N, C-alpha and C. Protein backbone atom coordinates (compact mmCIF):
# COMPACT_ATOMS: atom_id res chain seq x y z
N MET A 1 -55.79 -47.17 112.83
CA MET A 1 -55.54 -45.87 112.12
C MET A 1 -55.83 -46.41 110.74
N VAL A 2 -55.47 -47.60 110.41
CA VAL A 2 -55.51 -48.15 108.94
C VAL A 2 -57.10 -48.01 108.58
N GLY A 3 -57.43 -47.40 107.24
CA GLY A 3 -58.96 -47.37 107.15
C GLY A 3 -59.60 -46.30 107.37
N ARG A 4 -58.95 -45.41 108.20
CA ARG A 4 -59.38 -43.80 108.56
C ARG A 4 -59.10 -42.91 107.68
N ILE A 5 -60.21 -41.81 107.59
CA ILE A 5 -59.92 -41.00 106.81
C ILE A 5 -59.51 -39.39 107.54
N TYR A 6 -58.37 -38.73 107.09
CA TYR A 6 -57.79 -37.72 107.89
C TYR A 6 -57.64 -36.46 106.67
N LEU A 7 -57.41 -35.38 107.29
CA LEU A 7 -57.05 -34.14 106.55
C LEU A 7 -55.69 -34.19 106.50
N ALA A 8 -54.85 -33.97 105.49
CA ALA A 8 -53.51 -33.92 105.63
C ALA A 8 -52.89 -32.77 104.62
N LYS A 9 -51.77 -31.95 104.98
CA LYS A 9 -51.24 -31.36 104.35
C LYS A 9 -50.46 -31.85 102.79
N ILE A 10 -50.81 -31.58 101.87
CA ILE A 10 -50.36 -32.10 100.59
C ILE A 10 -49.43 -30.97 100.03
N TYR A 11 -48.09 -31.20 100.11
CA TYR A 11 -47.28 -30.02 99.43
C TYR A 11 -47.20 -30.12 98.07
N PHE A 12 -46.81 -29.11 97.39
CA PHE A 12 -46.64 -28.83 95.93
C PHE A 12 -45.08 -29.56 95.89
N THR A 13 -44.87 -29.40 94.54
CA THR A 13 -43.57 -30.43 94.02
C THR A 13 -42.44 -29.31 94.54
N ASP A 14 -42.40 -28.05 94.82
CA ASP A 14 -41.53 -27.33 95.24
C ASP A 14 -41.29 -27.21 96.65
N LEU A 15 -42.16 -27.63 97.38
CA LEU A 15 -42.56 -27.64 98.75
C LEU A 15 -42.41 -26.21 99.35
N SER A 16 -42.87 -25.34 98.48
CA SER A 16 -43.49 -23.79 99.01
C SER A 16 -44.64 -23.67 99.66
N GLU A 17 -45.47 -24.33 99.29
CA GLU A 17 -46.86 -24.05 99.74
C GLU A 17 -47.76 -25.76 99.71
N TYR A 18 -48.65 -25.68 100.53
CA TYR A 18 -49.40 -26.90 100.84
C TYR A 18 -50.84 -26.41 100.87
N LYS A 19 -51.71 -27.74 100.28
CA LYS A 19 -53.35 -27.39 100.54
C LYS A 19 -53.60 -28.69 101.56
N ILE A 20 -54.49 -28.42 102.30
CA ILE A 20 -55.38 -29.33 102.94
C ILE A 20 -56.34 -30.48 102.33
N ARG A 21 -55.89 -31.53 102.01
CA ARG A 21 -56.84 -32.43 101.60
C ARG A 21 -57.15 -33.99 102.32
N PRO A 22 -58.29 -34.51 102.12
CA PRO A 22 -58.62 -35.60 102.59
C PRO A 22 -57.91 -36.94 102.11
N VAL A 23 -57.32 -37.65 102.93
CA VAL A 23 -56.50 -39.14 102.52
C VAL A 23 -57.14 -40.14 103.26
N VAL A 24 -56.84 -41.44 103.14
CA VAL A 24 -57.25 -42.60 103.65
C VAL A 24 -56.02 -43.25 103.71
N VAL A 25 -55.68 -43.54 105.26
CA VAL A 25 -54.44 -44.35 105.54
C VAL A 25 -54.68 -45.95 105.17
N ILE A 26 -53.55 -46.45 104.21
CA ILE A 26 -53.69 -48.00 103.90
C ILE A 26 -52.71 -48.71 104.49
N ARG A 27 -51.69 -48.30 105.07
CA ARG A 27 -50.65 -48.98 105.61
C ARG A 27 -49.94 -48.00 106.94
N GLU A 28 -49.37 -48.75 107.83
CA GLU A 28 -48.65 -48.07 108.88
C GLU A 28 -47.26 -48.80 109.03
N TYR A 29 -46.23 -47.89 109.05
CA TYR A 29 -45.04 -48.33 109.37
C TYR A 29 -44.30 -47.64 110.82
N GLY A 30 -44.55 -47.91 111.71
CA GLY A 30 -44.05 -47.29 112.97
C GLY A 30 -44.86 -45.97 113.06
N ASP A 31 -43.94 -44.88 112.84
CA ASP A 31 -44.45 -43.50 112.89
C ASP A 31 -44.95 -43.05 111.63
N ASP A 32 -44.80 -43.86 110.62
CA ASP A 32 -45.04 -43.26 109.33
C ASP A 32 -46.21 -44.11 108.78
N SER A 33 -47.12 -43.46 107.75
CA SER A 33 -48.00 -44.35 107.06
C SER A 33 -48.05 -43.98 105.40
N VAL A 34 -48.65 -44.89 104.98
CA VAL A 34 -48.92 -44.76 103.22
C VAL A 34 -50.47 -44.31 103.27
N CYS A 35 -50.53 -43.35 102.66
CA CYS A 35 -51.91 -42.84 102.48
C CYS A 35 -52.22 -42.64 100.89
N LEU A 36 -53.71 -42.64 100.67
CA LEU A 36 -54.21 -42.54 99.23
C LEU A 36 -54.85 -41.27 99.37
N PRO A 37 -54.84 -40.39 98.14
CA PRO A 37 -55.78 -39.17 98.12
C PRO A 37 -57.18 -39.46 97.96
N LEU A 38 -57.92 -38.95 98.67
CA LEU A 38 -59.65 -39.07 98.27
C LEU A 38 -59.92 -38.14 97.13
N THR A 39 -60.49 -38.22 96.08
CA THR A 39 -60.97 -37.14 95.16
C THR A 39 -62.14 -37.50 94.51
N SER A 40 -62.89 -36.48 93.93
CA SER A 40 -63.82 -36.84 93.09
C SER A 40 -63.86 -36.57 91.64
N ASN A 41 -62.33 -36.07 91.49
CA ASN A 41 -61.77 -36.04 90.01
C ASN A 41 -61.67 -37.06 89.25
N LEU A 42 -62.40 -37.62 88.57
CA LEU A 42 -62.45 -39.00 87.67
C LEU A 42 -61.49 -38.83 86.53
N GLU A 43 -61.11 -37.72 85.87
CA GLU A 43 -60.40 -37.54 84.85
C GLU A 43 -59.12 -36.59 85.17
N HIS A 44 -58.19 -37.53 85.55
CA HIS A 44 -56.79 -36.97 86.09
C HIS A 44 -55.69 -37.81 84.96
N ASP A 45 -55.24 -36.92 84.41
CA ASP A 45 -54.08 -37.42 83.49
C ASP A 45 -52.95 -38.00 84.25
N GLY A 46 -52.51 -39.12 83.70
CA GLY A 46 -51.31 -39.79 84.29
C GLY A 46 -51.70 -40.89 85.07
N ILE A 47 -52.97 -41.37 85.20
CA ILE A 47 -53.64 -42.44 86.18
C ILE A 47 -54.43 -43.23 85.40
N ALA A 48 -53.75 -44.60 85.14
CA ALA A 48 -54.34 -45.59 84.38
C ALA A 48 -55.59 -46.02 84.88
N GLY A 49 -56.74 -46.10 84.40
CA GLY A 49 -58.06 -46.57 84.87
C GLY A 49 -58.54 -47.79 84.30
């Protein structure tokens, strides 16, 4: 599962709605996993580059 790309429900901060977005799994912890979002948006505020 690590290294694979999946479609995941990414919830808004208030958990009222979500969008389906691609993610890549980078680590697994039992039934949980750590994922990174895949994006083509290279100008994202708040992320050091």
